[in-house]
Amino acid sequence: MKVDKKSMLLYVATDRSWLGENRLENQVEEIVKSGVSFIQLREKELSFNEFLNVGKKIKKITSENHIPFVINDNIEVALALDADGVHVGQSDMNAKDVRALIGEDKILGVSAKTVEQALLAEKHGADYLGVGAVFSTSTKNDAGKISFETLKAICNAVNIPVVAIGGISETNIMELKGTGVDGVAVISAIFAKPDVSSATKELLELAKEVVGVKWLG
């Protein structure tokens, strides 16, 4: 499976911080059925076997609903699961080396904060870019904000889809209109809400307005 701009519209990275008594796979199924277009499984604390077990459940949901499913950072888990791909940051393995490991048919997402990083990632085989943080975020304490001008410059510089990430919520998402992004990536804007389905539907409509392209209808 490869990505296109449509699959970038509402990109969600998982976070179990707000699960409470809920199961992650149940929440993922709920948000996928409510309009999420892409799922990234993000697990920093689980063991390999635990990560694999969760991943199998999430992959079943995404496969049944025909949306892309990638693993954050962990190439070993991505390959073991036969996930659709992997997403890596600038401090992780070089995108060129990741592409060599996962092959040409898998999705490779790369985080970028500058035009230079974006162009290099594209050159080394990235299928899409995650650019941010566009707003202040508590999810990644080391995530420095980038300006909207930089976001626009990256969108104009590359030919692959760009998804904005970092602190995006229903209250600030419209500020991204006109930047040229192909979608938004969120975590707490959905998972921290008591009703993840309603949060997803609201963000989906707002994301359509931000992206504003003809295929959205």
N, C-alpha and C. Protein backbone atom coordinates (compact mmCIF):
# COMPACT_ATOMS: atom_id res chain seq x y z
N MET A 1 0.84 -1.20 0.00
CA MET A 1 0.00 0.00 0.00
C MET A 1 0.88 1.25 0.00
N LYS A 2 0.56 2.18 -0.90
CA LYS A 2 1.26 3.46 -0.90
C LYS A 2 0.27 4.56 -0.53
N VAL A 3 0.80 5.70 -0.11
CA VAL A 3 -0.08 6.78 0.32
C VAL A 3 -0.34 7.76 -0.81
N ASP A 4 -1.46 8.44 -0.73
CA ASP A 4 -1.73 9.58 -1.58
C ASP A 4 -2.21 10.71 -0.68
N LYS A 5 -2.50 11.84 -1.26
CA LYS A 5 -2.88 12.99 -0.45
C LYS A 5 -4.19 12.77 0.30
N LYS A 6 -5.07 11.95 -0.26
CA LYS A 6 -6.35 11.68 0.41
C LYS A 6 -6.14 10.99 1.76
N SER A 7 -5.16 10.11 1.81
CA SER A 7 -4.94 9.36 3.05
C SER A 7 -4.30 10.20 4.14
N MET A 8 -3.85 11.41 3.80
CA MET A 8 -3.23 12.30 4.77
C MET A 8 -4.24 13.16 5.53
N LEU A 9 -5.47 13.20 5.06
CA LEU A 9 -6.45 14.18 5.55
C LEU A 9 -6.56 14.23 7.07
N LEU A 10 -6.83 13.09 7.69
CA LEU A 10 -6.92 13.05 9.16
C LEU A 10 -6.09 11.86 9.65
N TYR A 11 -4.85 12.16 9.96
CA TYR A 11 -3.83 11.18 10.35
C TYR A 11 -3.80 11.16 11.88
N VAL A 12 -3.90 9.97 12.45
CA VAL A 12 -3.93 9.86 13.91
C VAL A 12 -2.82 8.95 14.42
N ALA A 13 -2.05 9.47 15.37
CA ALA A 13 -1.06 8.65 16.08
C ALA A 13 -1.67 8.26 17.42
N THR A 14 -1.51 7.01 17.78
CA THR A 14 -2.14 6.51 19.00
C THR A 14 -1.40 6.95 20.26
N ASP A 15 -2.14 6.97 21.35
CA ASP A 15 -1.56 7.28 22.65
C ASP A 15 -2.46 6.66 23.71
N ARG A 16 -1.87 5.78 24.54
CA ARG A 16 -2.67 5.09 25.54
C ARG A 16 -2.79 5.88 26.85
N SER A 17 -2.25 7.09 26.91
CA SER A 17 -2.27 7.89 28.14
C SER A 17 -3.68 8.15 28.66
N TRP A 18 -4.63 8.26 27.74
CA TRP A 18 -5.99 8.64 28.13
C TRP A 18 -6.97 7.47 28.04
N LEU A 19 -6.47 6.27 27.89
CA LEU A 19 -7.37 5.13 27.68
C LEU A 19 -8.29 4.84 28.84
N GLY A 20 -7.79 4.98 30.07
CA GLY A 20 -8.60 4.61 31.22
C GLY A 20 -8.92 3.12 31.16
N GLU A 21 -10.20 2.79 31.22
CA GLU A 21 -10.61 1.39 31.16
C GLU A 21 -10.87 0.92 29.73
N ASN A 22 -10.69 1.82 28.76
CA ASN A 22 -10.91 1.46 27.36
C ASN A 22 -9.73 0.64 26.82
N ARG A 23 -9.98 -0.12 25.78
CA ARG A 23 -8.93 -0.85 25.08
C ARG A 23 -8.54 -0.07 23.84
N LEU A 24 -7.23 -0.01 23.56
CA LEU A 24 -6.75 0.79 22.43
C LEU A 24 -7.39 0.34 21.12
N GLU A 25 -7.47 -0.98 20.90
CA GLU A 25 -8.03 -1.46 19.64
C GLU A 25 -9.49 -1.06 19.48
N ASN A 26 -10.23 -0.98 20.58
CA ASN A 26 -11.63 -0.57 20.50
C ASN A 26 -11.75 0.90 20.11
N GLN A 27 -10.87 1.73 20.68
CA GLN A 27 -10.90 3.15 20.33
C GLN A 27 -10.46 3.37 18.90
N VAL A 28 -9.45 2.62 18.47
CA VAL A 28 -8.98 2.75 17.08
C VAL A 28 -10.10 2.35 16.12
N GLU A 29 -10.80 1.28 16.43
CA GLU A 29 -11.90 0.87 15.55
C GLU A 29 -12.98 1.95 15.49
N GLU A 30 -13.24 2.57 16.62
CA GLU A 30 -14.26 3.63 16.67
C GLU A 30 -13.86 4.83 15.83
N ILE A 31 -12.60 5.26 15.94
CA ILE A 31 -12.19 6.46 15.19
C ILE A 31 -12.02 6.16 13.71
N VAL A 32 -11.62 4.95 13.38
CA VAL A 32 -11.49 4.58 11.97
C VAL A 32 -12.87 4.61 11.31
N LYS A 33 -13.86 4.08 11.99
CA LYS A 33 -15.22 4.07 11.44
C LYS A 33 -15.83 5.48 11.41
N SER A 34 -15.21 6.41 12.15
CA SER A 34 -15.71 7.79 12.19
C SER A 34 -14.99 8.71 11.20
N GLY A 35 -14.03 8.16 10.44
CA GLY A 35 -13.46 8.95 9.36
C GLY A 35 -11.96 9.16 9.35
N VAL A 36 -11.22 8.61 10.31
CA VAL A 36 -9.76 8.73 10.29
C VAL A 36 -9.23 8.08 9.01
N SER A 37 -8.22 8.70 8.40
CA SER A 37 -7.72 8.21 7.12
C SER A 37 -6.36 7.52 7.19
N PHE A 38 -5.73 7.54 8.36
CA PHE A 38 -4.37 6.98 8.50
C PHE A 38 -4.12 6.73 9.98
N ILE A 39 -3.52 5.58 10.31
CA ILE A 39 -3.20 5.27 11.70
C ILE A 39 -1.71 5.00 11.87
N GLN A 40 -1.12 5.67 12.84
CA GLN A 40 0.26 5.38 13.24
C GLN A 40 0.21 4.82 14.67
N LEU A 41 0.77 3.63 14.84
CA LEU A 41 0.82 3.02 16.18
C LEU A 41 2.10 3.51 16.86
N ARG A 42 1.91 4.24 17.94
CA ARG A 42 3.02 4.89 18.63
C ARG A 42 3.11 4.31 20.04
N GLU A 43 4.12 3.50 20.28
CA GLU A 43 4.28 2.86 21.59
C GLU A 43 5.74 2.98 22.02
N LYS A 44 5.99 3.68 23.10
CA LYS A 44 7.35 3.90 23.57
C LYS A 44 7.73 2.98 24.73
N GLU A 45 6.75 2.43 25.41
CA GLU A 45 7.02 1.70 26.65
C GLU A 45 6.85 0.19 26.56
N LEU A 46 6.18 -0.29 25.53
CA LEU A 46 5.87 -1.71 25.46
C LEU A 46 7.09 -2.55 25.05
N SER A 47 7.11 -3.80 25.51
CA SER A 47 8.13 -4.74 25.06
C SER A 47 7.84 -5.13 23.61
N PHE A 48 8.79 -5.79 22.98
CA PHE A 48 8.61 -6.20 21.58
C PHE A 48 7.34 -7.05 21.42
N ASN A 49 7.18 -8.05 22.28
CA ASN A 49 6.03 -8.94 22.16
C ASN A 49 4.71 -8.24 22.44
N GLU A 50 4.71 -7.33 23.42
CA GLU A 50 3.50 -6.55 23.72
C GLU A 50 3.14 -5.65 22.54
N PHE A 51 4.16 -5.00 21.99
CA PHE A 51 3.98 -4.11 20.84
C PHE A 51 3.40 -4.91 19.67
N LEU A 52 3.96 -6.09 19.45
CA LEU A 52 3.52 -6.95 18.35
C LEU A 52 2.06 -7.37 18.54
N ASN A 53 1.71 -7.71 19.76
CA ASN A 53 0.35 -8.16 20.06
C ASN A 53 -0.67 -7.06 19.80
N VAL A 54 -0.35 -5.85 20.26
CA VAL A 54 -1.24 -4.71 20.01
C VAL A 54 -1.30 -4.42 18.52
N GLY A 55 -0.13 -4.45 17.89
CA GLY A 55 -0.06 -4.15 16.46
C GLY A 55 -0.91 -5.07 15.60
N LYS A 56 -0.97 -6.33 15.94
CA LYS A 56 -1.78 -7.29 15.19
C LYS A 56 -3.26 -6.91 15.24
N LYS A 57 -3.71 -6.47 16.41
CA LYS A 57 -5.11 -6.08 16.57
C LYS A 57 -5.43 -4.82 15.77
N ILE A 58 -4.50 -3.85 15.80
CA ILE A 58 -4.72 -2.61 15.06
C ILE A 58 -4.67 -2.86 13.55
N LYS A 59 -3.72 -3.69 13.14
CA LYS A 59 -3.58 -3.99 11.70
C LYS A 59 -4.85 -4.63 11.15
N LYS A 60 -5.47 -5.50 11.93
CA LYS A 60 -6.71 -6.15 11.48
C LYS A 60 -7.79 -5.10 11.20
N ILE A 61 -7.87 -4.10 12.07
CA ILE A 61 -8.87 -3.03 11.90
C ILE A 61 -8.57 -2.19 10.68
N THR A 62 -7.31 -1.77 10.52
CA THR A 62 -6.96 -0.90 9.38
C THR A 62 -7.07 -1.65 8.07
N SER A 63 -6.71 -2.93 8.07
CA SER A 63 -6.81 -3.73 6.84
C SER A 63 -8.26 -3.86 6.40
N GLU A 64 -9.13 -4.13 7.35
CA GLU A 64 -10.55 -4.30 7.04
C GLU A 64 -11.17 -3.01 6.52
N ASN A 65 -10.61 -1.88 6.94
CA ASN A 65 -11.15 -0.58 6.53
C ASN A 65 -10.32 0.11 5.45
N HIS A 66 -9.29 -0.60 4.98
CA HIS A 66 -8.48 -0.14 3.84
C HIS A 66 -7.84 1.23 4.06
N ILE A 67 -7.26 1.41 5.25
CA ILE A 67 -6.51 2.64 5.48
C ILE A 67 -5.08 2.29 5.87
N PRO A 68 -4.12 3.16 5.58
CA PRO A 68 -2.72 2.88 5.87
C PRO A 68 -2.45 2.76 7.37
N PHE A 69 -1.51 1.88 7.69
CA PHE A 69 -1.13 1.62 9.08
C PHE A 69 0.39 1.53 9.16
N VAL A 70 0.98 2.47 9.90
CA VAL A 70 2.44 2.47 10.05
C VAL A 70 2.82 2.42 11.53
N ILE A 71 4.05 2.01 11.76
CA ILE A 71 4.60 1.92 13.11
C ILE A 71 5.55 3.09 13.33
N ASN A 72 5.45 3.70 14.49
CA ASN A 72 6.35 4.80 14.83
C ASN A 72 7.70 4.26 15.27
N ASP A 73 8.75 4.65 14.57
CA ASP A 73 10.15 4.40 14.95
C ASP A 73 10.62 2.95 14.86
N ASN A 74 9.81 2.00 15.30
CA ASN A 74 10.29 0.63 15.50
C ASN A 74 10.22 -0.19 14.20
N ILE A 75 11.32 -0.22 13.48
CA ILE A 75 11.37 -0.93 12.19
C ILE A 75 11.22 -2.43 12.40
N GLU A 76 11.80 -2.95 13.47
CA GLU A 76 11.72 -4.38 13.76
C GLU A 76 10.27 -4.83 13.92
N VAL A 77 9.50 -4.05 14.67
CA VAL A 77 8.08 -4.38 14.86
C VAL A 77 7.32 -4.23 13.54
N ALA A 78 7.61 -3.17 12.80
CA ALA A 78 6.93 -2.94 11.52
C ALA A 78 7.13 -4.12 10.57
N LEU A 79 8.35 -4.64 10.51
CA LEU A 79 8.64 -5.76 9.63
C LEU A 79 7.99 -7.05 10.13
N ALA A 80 8.04 -7.26 11.45
CA ALA A 80 7.45 -8.47 12.03
C ALA A 80 5.94 -8.51 11.81
N LEU A 81 5.31 -7.34 11.87
CA LEU A 81 3.87 -7.24 11.68
C LEU A 81 3.46 -7.25 10.21
N ASP A 82 4.43 -6.99 9.34
CA ASP A 82 4.13 -6.70 7.94
C ASP A 82 3.15 -5.53 7.86
N ALA A 83 3.45 -4.49 8.67
CA ALA A 83 2.65 -3.26 8.65
C ALA A 83 2.83 -2.59 7.29
N ASP A 84 1.99 -1.62 7.01
CA ASP A 84 2.10 -0.92 5.72
C ASP A 84 3.37 -0.09 5.62
N GLY A 85 3.96 0.23 6.77
CA GLY A 85 5.19 1.00 6.73
C GLY A 85 5.63 1.47 8.09
N VAL A 86 6.50 2.47 8.10
CA VAL A 86 7.09 2.97 9.33
C VAL A 86 7.26 4.48 9.23
N HIS A 87 7.21 5.15 10.38
CA HIS A 87 7.46 6.59 10.43
C HIS A 87 8.67 6.83 11.33
N VAL A 88 9.64 7.59 10.84
CA VAL A 88 10.86 7.86 11.61
C VAL A 88 11.09 9.35 11.78
N GLY A 89 11.75 9.70 12.87
CA GLY A 89 12.10 11.09 13.14
C GLY A 89 13.52 11.40 12.70
N GLN A 90 13.92 12.65 12.87
CA GLN A 90 15.27 13.06 12.47
C GLN A 90 16.35 12.42 13.33
N SER A 91 16.01 12.04 14.55
CA SER A 91 17.00 11.44 15.44
C SER A 91 17.05 9.92 15.31
N ASP A 92 16.18 9.37 14.46
CA ASP A 92 16.17 7.93 14.23
C ASP A 92 17.08 7.60 13.05
N MET A 93 16.97 6.41 12.54
CA MET A 93 17.80 5.98 11.42
C MET A 93 17.57 6.84 10.18
N ASN A 94 18.61 7.06 9.41
CA ASN A 94 18.54 7.81 8.17
C ASN A 94 17.48 7.21 7.25
N ALA A 95 16.70 8.09 6.61
CA ALA A 95 15.60 7.63 5.77
C ALA A 95 16.07 6.69 4.66
N LYS A 96 17.23 6.95 4.11
CA LYS A 96 17.77 6.09 3.04
C LYS A 96 18.02 4.67 3.55
N ASP A 97 18.53 4.56 4.77
CA ASP A 97 18.80 3.25 5.36
C ASP A 97 17.50 2.53 5.72
N VAL A 98 16.51 3.31 6.19
CA VAL A 98 15.21 2.73 6.51
C VAL A 98 14.57 2.16 5.24
N ARG A 99 14.63 2.93 4.16
CA ARG A 99 14.06 2.46 2.89
C ARG A 99 14.71 1.15 2.45
N ALA A 100 16.02 1.05 2.63
CA ALA A 100 16.74 -0.17 2.25
C ALA A 100 16.25 -1.37 3.06
N LEU A 101 15.90 -1.13 4.32
CA LEU A 101 15.44 -2.21 5.20
C LEU A 101 14.01 -2.64 4.91
N ILE A 102 13.15 -1.69 4.65
CA ILE A 102 11.73 -2.02 4.51
C ILE A 102 11.32 -2.33 3.08
N GLY A 103 12.15 -1.97 2.12
CA GLY A 103 11.83 -2.24 0.72
C GLY A 103 11.05 -1.11 0.07
N GLU A 104 10.88 -1.22 -1.22
CA GLU A 104 10.25 -0.15 -2.00
C GLU A 104 8.73 -0.09 -1.85
N ASP A 105 8.14 -1.22 -1.46
CA ASP A 105 6.68 -1.28 -1.45
C ASP A 105 6.04 -0.78 -0.16
N LYS A 106 6.85 -0.56 0.87
CA LYS A 106 6.32 -0.10 2.15
C LYS A 106 6.29 1.43 2.23
N ILE A 107 5.40 1.93 3.07
CA ILE A 107 5.29 3.38 3.28
C ILE A 107 6.40 3.84 4.21
N LEU A 108 7.05 4.94 3.83
CA LEU A 108 8.06 5.56 4.69
C LEU A 108 7.66 7.00 4.96
N GLY A 109 7.36 7.28 6.22
CA GLY A 109 7.08 8.65 6.64
C GLY A 109 8.26 9.19 7.42
N VAL A 110 8.55 10.46 7.23
CA VAL A 110 9.70 11.08 7.89
C VAL A 110 9.29 12.42 8.48
N SER A 111 9.73 12.68 9.71
CA SER A 111 9.49 13.98 10.34
C SER A 111 10.48 15.00 9.81
N ALA A 112 10.02 16.23 9.62
CA ALA A 112 10.91 17.29 9.14
C ALA A 112 10.52 18.62 9.75
N LYS A 113 11.54 19.45 9.98
CA LYS A 113 11.31 20.78 10.54
C LYS A 113 11.82 21.89 9.63
N THR A 114 12.62 21.52 8.63
CA THR A 114 13.20 22.51 7.72
C THR A 114 13.03 22.06 6.29
N VAL A 115 13.16 23.00 5.36
CA VAL A 115 13.09 22.67 3.93
C VAL A 115 14.21 21.69 3.58
N GLU A 116 15.40 21.90 4.15
CA GLU A 116 16.54 21.03 3.86
C GLU A 116 16.25 19.59 4.28
N GLN A 117 15.71 19.42 5.49
CA GLN A 117 15.36 18.08 5.97
C GLN A 117 14.29 17.45 5.08
N ALA A 118 13.33 18.25 4.67
CA ALA A 118 12.24 17.76 3.84
C ALA A 118 12.74 17.27 2.48
N LEU A 119 13.58 18.06 1.85
CA LEU A 119 14.11 17.70 0.54
C LEU A 119 14.98 16.46 0.61
N LEU A 120 15.77 16.35 1.67
CA LEU A 120 16.63 15.19 1.83
C LEU A 120 15.80 13.93 2.06
N ALA A 121 14.75 14.07 2.87
CA ALA A 121 13.87 12.93 3.13
C ALA A 121 13.21 12.46 1.84
N GLU A 122 12.74 13.40 1.04
CA GLU A 122 12.13 13.05 -0.24
C GLU A 122 13.14 12.35 -1.15
N LYS A 123 14.34 12.89 -1.20
CA LYS A 123 15.41 12.31 -2.03
C LYS A 123 15.73 10.88 -1.59
N HIS A 124 15.66 10.63 -0.29
CA HIS A 124 16.02 9.32 0.26
C HIS A 124 14.85 8.33 0.31
N GLY A 125 13.72 8.72 -0.28
CA GLY A 125 12.65 7.75 -0.44
C GLY A 125 11.43 7.91 0.43
N ALA A 126 11.30 9.03 1.14
CA ALA A 126 10.11 9.25 1.96
C ALA A 126 8.87 9.34 1.07
N ASP A 127 7.78 8.76 1.55
CA ASP A 127 6.50 8.83 0.84
C ASP A 127 5.64 10.00 1.30
N TYR A 128 5.88 10.43 2.53
CA TYR A 128 5.19 11.61 3.05
C TYR A 128 6.02 12.20 4.18
N LEU A 129 5.69 13.44 4.54
CA LEU A 129 6.39 14.13 5.62
C LEU A 129 5.43 14.51 6.73
N GLY A 130 5.88 14.39 7.97
CA GLY A 130 5.17 14.93 9.12
C GLY A 130 5.93 16.17 9.56
N VAL A 131 5.29 17.33 9.47
CA VAL A 131 6.00 18.59 9.71
C VAL A 131 5.43 19.30 10.94
N GLY A 132 6.30 19.64 11.86
CA GLY A 132 5.87 20.32 13.08
C GLY A 132 6.99 20.37 14.10
N ALA A 133 6.68 20.82 15.29
CA ALA A 133 5.33 21.05 15.79
C ALA A 133 4.81 22.42 15.33
N VAL A 134 3.57 22.43 14.82
CA VAL A 134 3.01 23.69 14.35
C VAL A 134 2.41 24.51 15.48
N PHE A 135 2.05 23.84 16.58
CA PHE A 135 1.60 24.52 17.79
C PHE A 135 2.32 23.89 18.97
N SER A 136 2.26 24.53 20.11
CA SER A 136 2.88 23.97 21.31
C SER A 136 2.21 22.64 21.64
N THR A 137 3.01 21.67 22.08
CA THR A 137 2.48 20.34 22.37
C THR A 137 3.12 19.76 23.61
N SER A 138 2.32 19.03 24.36
CA SER A 138 2.84 18.37 25.56
C SER A 138 3.20 16.92 25.28
N THR A 139 2.83 16.43 24.08
CA THR A 139 3.09 15.03 23.76
C THR A 139 4.57 14.76 23.59
N LYS A 140 5.27 15.72 22.97
CA LYS A 140 6.72 15.57 22.81
C LYS A 140 7.37 16.82 23.37
N ASN A 141 7.99 16.68 24.50
CA ASN A 141 8.54 17.83 25.21
C ASN A 141 9.67 18.52 24.45
N ASP A 142 10.35 17.76 23.57
CA ASP A 142 11.48 18.33 22.84
C ASP A 142 11.08 18.89 21.48
N ALA A 143 9.78 18.90 21.21
CA ALA A 143 9.34 19.33 19.89
C ALA A 143 9.28 20.85 19.82
N GLY A 144 10.23 21.45 19.13
CA GLY A 144 10.25 22.90 18.96
C GLY A 144 9.25 23.31 17.89
N LYS A 145 8.58 24.41 18.11
CA LYS A 145 7.60 24.89 17.14
C LYS A 145 8.29 25.38 15.87
N ILE A 146 7.60 25.20 14.75
CA ILE A 146 8.06 25.80 13.51
C ILE A 146 7.03 26.84 13.08
N SER A 147 7.46 27.78 12.26
CA SER A 147 6.56 28.85 11.82
C SER A 147 5.68 28.36 10.67
N PHE A 148 4.57 29.06 10.47
CA PHE A 148 3.71 28.74 9.34
C PHE A 148 4.44 29.00 8.03
N GLU A 149 5.36 29.98 8.03
CA GLU A 149 6.14 30.28 6.83
C GLU A 149 7.00 29.09 6.44
N THR A 150 7.60 28.46 7.46
CA THR A 150 8.42 27.26 7.19
C THR A 150 7.55 26.13 6.68
N LEU A 151 6.38 25.96 7.28
CA LEU A 151 5.44 24.92 6.84
C LEU A 151 5.07 25.14 5.38
N LYS A 152 4.74 26.37 5.02
CA LYS A 152 4.39 26.69 3.63
C LYS A 152 5.55 26.41 2.70
N ALA A 153 6.75 26.79 3.13
CA ALA A 153 7.94 26.60 2.31
C ALA A 153 8.20 25.12 2.04
N ILE A 154 8.00 24.29 3.07
CA ILE A 154 8.18 22.84 2.91
C ILE A 154 7.14 22.29 1.93
N CYS A 155 5.90 22.70 2.10
CA CYS A 155 4.83 22.23 1.20
C CYS A 155 5.12 22.59 -0.25
N ASN A 156 5.69 23.77 -0.46
CA ASN A 156 6.01 24.21 -1.81
C ASN A 156 7.25 23.54 -2.38
N ALA A 157 8.12 23.06 -1.50
CA ALA A 157 9.42 22.53 -1.94
C ALA A 157 9.38 21.07 -2.37
N VAL A 158 8.42 20.31 -1.82
CA VAL A 158 8.42 18.86 -2.08
C VAL A 158 7.22 18.44 -2.92
N ASN A 159 7.35 17.26 -3.51
CA ASN A 159 6.27 16.72 -4.34
C ASN A 159 5.51 15.60 -3.65
N ILE A 160 5.87 15.29 -2.41
CA ILE A 160 5.18 14.24 -1.65
C ILE A 160 4.21 14.90 -0.66
N PRO A 161 3.21 14.16 -0.19
CA PRO A 161 2.25 14.74 0.75
C PRO A 161 2.89 15.23 2.05
N VAL A 162 2.31 16.29 2.60
CA VAL A 162 2.78 16.86 3.85
C VAL A 162 1.61 16.91 4.84
N VAL A 163 1.85 16.38 6.03
CA VAL A 163 0.85 16.45 7.08
C VAL A 163 1.42 17.28 8.23
N ALA A 164 0.64 18.24 8.71
CA ALA A 164 1.07 19.08 9.83
C ALA A 164 0.80 18.35 11.13
N ILE A 165 1.71 18.49 12.08
CA ILE A 165 1.56 17.80 13.37
C ILE A 165 2.02 18.70 14.51
N GLY A 166 1.47 18.45 15.68
CA GLY A 166 1.94 19.14 16.88
C GLY A 166 0.94 20.12 17.46
N GLY A 167 0.24 19.68 18.50
CA GLY A 167 -0.65 20.59 19.22
C GLY A 167 -1.91 20.98 18.48
N ILE A 168 -2.25 20.29 17.39
CA ILE A 168 -3.42 20.63 16.60
C ILE A 168 -4.69 20.16 17.31
N SER A 169 -5.68 21.05 17.37
CA SER A 169 -6.96 20.72 18.00
C SER A 169 -8.07 21.41 17.24
N GLU A 170 -9.30 21.14 17.66
CA GLU A 170 -10.45 21.76 17.00
C GLU A 170 -10.45 23.28 17.17
N THR A 171 -9.71 23.80 18.16
CA THR A 171 -9.71 25.24 18.43
C THR A 171 -8.69 26.02 17.58
N ASN A 172 -7.68 25.32 17.05
CA ASN A 172 -6.65 26.06 16.29
C ASN A 172 -6.42 25.54 14.88
N ILE A 173 -7.07 24.44 14.51
CA ILE A 173 -6.80 23.81 13.22
C ILE A 173 -7.01 24.75 12.04
N MET A 174 -7.98 25.66 12.13
CA MET A 174 -8.27 26.55 11.00
C MET A 174 -7.15 27.54 10.72
N GLU A 175 -6.26 27.72 11.68
CA GLU A 175 -5.10 28.58 11.45
C GLU A 175 -4.16 28.01 10.39
N LEU A 176 -4.31 26.73 10.09
CA LEU A 176 -3.46 26.08 9.10
C LEU A 176 -3.97 26.25 7.67
N LYS A 177 -5.15 26.83 7.53
CA LYS A 177 -5.72 27.03 6.19
C LYS A 177 -4.80 27.94 5.38
N GLY A 178 -4.50 27.53 4.17
CA GLY A 178 -3.64 28.32 3.30
C GLY A 178 -2.17 27.96 3.36
N THR A 179 -1.82 27.03 4.23
CA THR A 179 -0.40 26.64 4.33
C THR A 179 -0.01 25.65 3.25
N GLY A 180 -0.99 24.97 2.65
CA GLY A 180 -0.69 24.00 1.61
C GLY A 180 -0.58 22.57 2.10
N VAL A 181 -0.90 22.34 3.37
CA VAL A 181 -0.80 20.98 3.91
C VAL A 181 -1.87 20.07 3.29
N ASP A 182 -1.56 18.79 3.26
CA ASP A 182 -2.49 17.80 2.72
C ASP A 182 -3.35 17.15 3.79
N GLY A 183 -3.05 17.51 5.04
CA GLY A 183 -3.83 16.96 6.14
C GLY A 183 -3.22 17.34 7.47
N VAL A 184 -3.85 16.85 8.53
CA VAL A 184 -3.38 17.14 9.89
C VAL A 184 -3.21 15.83 10.64
N ALA A 185 -2.20 15.81 11.52
CA ALA A 185 -1.96 14.66 12.37
C ALA A 185 -2.27 15.06 13.81
N VAL A 186 -3.06 14.25 14.48
CA VAL A 186 -3.46 14.57 15.85
C VAL A 186 -3.28 13.37 16.77
N ILE A 187 -3.18 13.66 18.04
CA ILE A 187 -3.11 12.61 19.06
C ILE A 187 -4.16 12.93 20.13
N SER A 188 -3.83 13.87 21.00
CA SER A 188 -4.71 14.18 22.14
C SER A 188 -6.03 14.81 21.70
N ALA A 189 -6.05 15.46 20.53
CA ALA A 189 -7.29 16.09 20.06
C ALA A 189 -8.40 15.06 19.87
N ILE A 190 -8.01 13.79 19.78
CA ILE A 190 -9.00 12.71 19.72
C ILE A 190 -8.95 11.84 20.97
N PHE A 191 -7.77 11.32 21.29
CA PHE A 191 -7.68 10.34 22.37
C PHE A 191 -7.94 10.92 23.76
N ALA A 192 -7.76 12.21 23.92
CA ALA A 192 -8.01 12.82 25.24
C ALA A 192 -9.48 13.19 25.44
N LYS A 193 -10.29 13.00 24.40
CA LYS A 193 -11.70 13.38 24.49
C LYS A 193 -12.55 12.21 25.01
N PRO A 194 -13.59 12.52 25.77
CA PRO A 194 -14.46 11.46 26.30
C PRO A 194 -15.21 10.70 25.20
N ASP A 195 -15.49 11.39 24.09
CA ASP A 195 -16.18 10.77 22.97
C ASP A 195 -15.27 10.86 21.75
N VAL A 196 -14.48 9.81 21.50
CA VAL A 196 -13.49 9.86 20.42
C VAL A 196 -14.15 9.90 19.04
N SER A 197 -15.32 9.31 18.92
CA SER A 197 -16.03 9.29 17.65
C SER A 197 -16.47 10.71 17.25
N SER A 198 -17.08 11.42 18.18
CA SER A 198 -17.52 12.79 17.91
C SER A 198 -16.34 13.70 17.61
N ALA A 199 -15.25 13.52 18.37
CA ALA A 199 -14.05 14.32 18.17
C ALA A 199 -13.48 14.09 16.77
N THR A 200 -13.50 12.83 16.34
CA THR A 200 -13.00 12.48 15.01
C THR A 200 -13.84 13.14 13.92
N LYS A 201 -15.14 13.03 14.04
CA LYS A 201 -16.04 13.59 13.03
C LYS A 201 -15.89 15.11 12.93
N GLU A 202 -15.74 15.76 14.07
CA GLU A 202 -15.57 17.22 14.07
C GLU A 202 -14.26 17.60 13.40
N LEU A 203 -13.19 16.92 13.76
CA LEU A 203 -11.88 17.24 13.17
C LEU A 203 -11.84 16.93 11.68
N LEU A 204 -12.54 15.88 11.27
CA LEU A 204 -12.57 15.53 9.85
C LEU A 204 -13.18 16.66 9.02
N GLU A 205 -14.28 17.20 9.49
CA GLU A 205 -14.93 18.30 8.77
C GLU A 205 -14.03 19.54 8.73
N LEU A 206 -13.36 19.81 9.84
CA LEU A 206 -12.46 20.96 9.89
C LEU A 206 -11.24 20.74 8.99
N ALA A 207 -10.74 19.52 8.97
CA ALA A 207 -9.58 19.20 8.12
C ALA A 207 -9.94 19.37 6.64
N LYS A 208 -11.14 18.99 6.27
CA LYS A 208 -11.59 19.17 4.88
C LYS A 208 -11.56 20.65 4.50
N GLU A 209 -11.98 21.49 5.45
CA GLU A 209 -11.98 22.92 5.19
C GLU A 209 -10.56 23.47 5.08
N VAL A 210 -9.67 22.97 5.90
CA VAL A 210 -8.27 23.41 5.87
C VAL A 210 -7.62 23.04 4.55
N VAL A 211 -7.83 21.79 4.13
CA VAL A 211 -7.19 21.30 2.90
C VAL A 211 -7.87 21.85 1.66
N GLY A 212 -9.20 21.83 1.69
CA GLY A 212 -9.99 22.52 0.66
C GLY A 212 -9.73 22.11 -0.77
N VAL A 213 -9.60 20.82 -1.04
CA VAL A 213 -9.34 20.40 -2.41
C VAL A 213 -10.57 19.75 -3.02
N LYS A 214 -10.59 19.68 -4.35
CA LYS A 214 -11.80 19.30 -5.09
C LYS A 214 -12.27 17.87 -4.79
N TRP A 215 -11.30 16.96 -4.60
CA TRP A 215 -11.72 15.57 -4.41
C TRP A 215 -12.52 15.36 -3.14
N LEU A 216 -12.51 16.36 -2.22
CA LEU A 216 -13.27 16.21 -0.99
C LEU A 216 -14.77 16.40 -1.20
N GLY A 217 -15.09 17.03 -2.29
CA GLY A 217 -16.50 17.14 -2.68
C GLY A 217 -17.27 18.19 -1.96
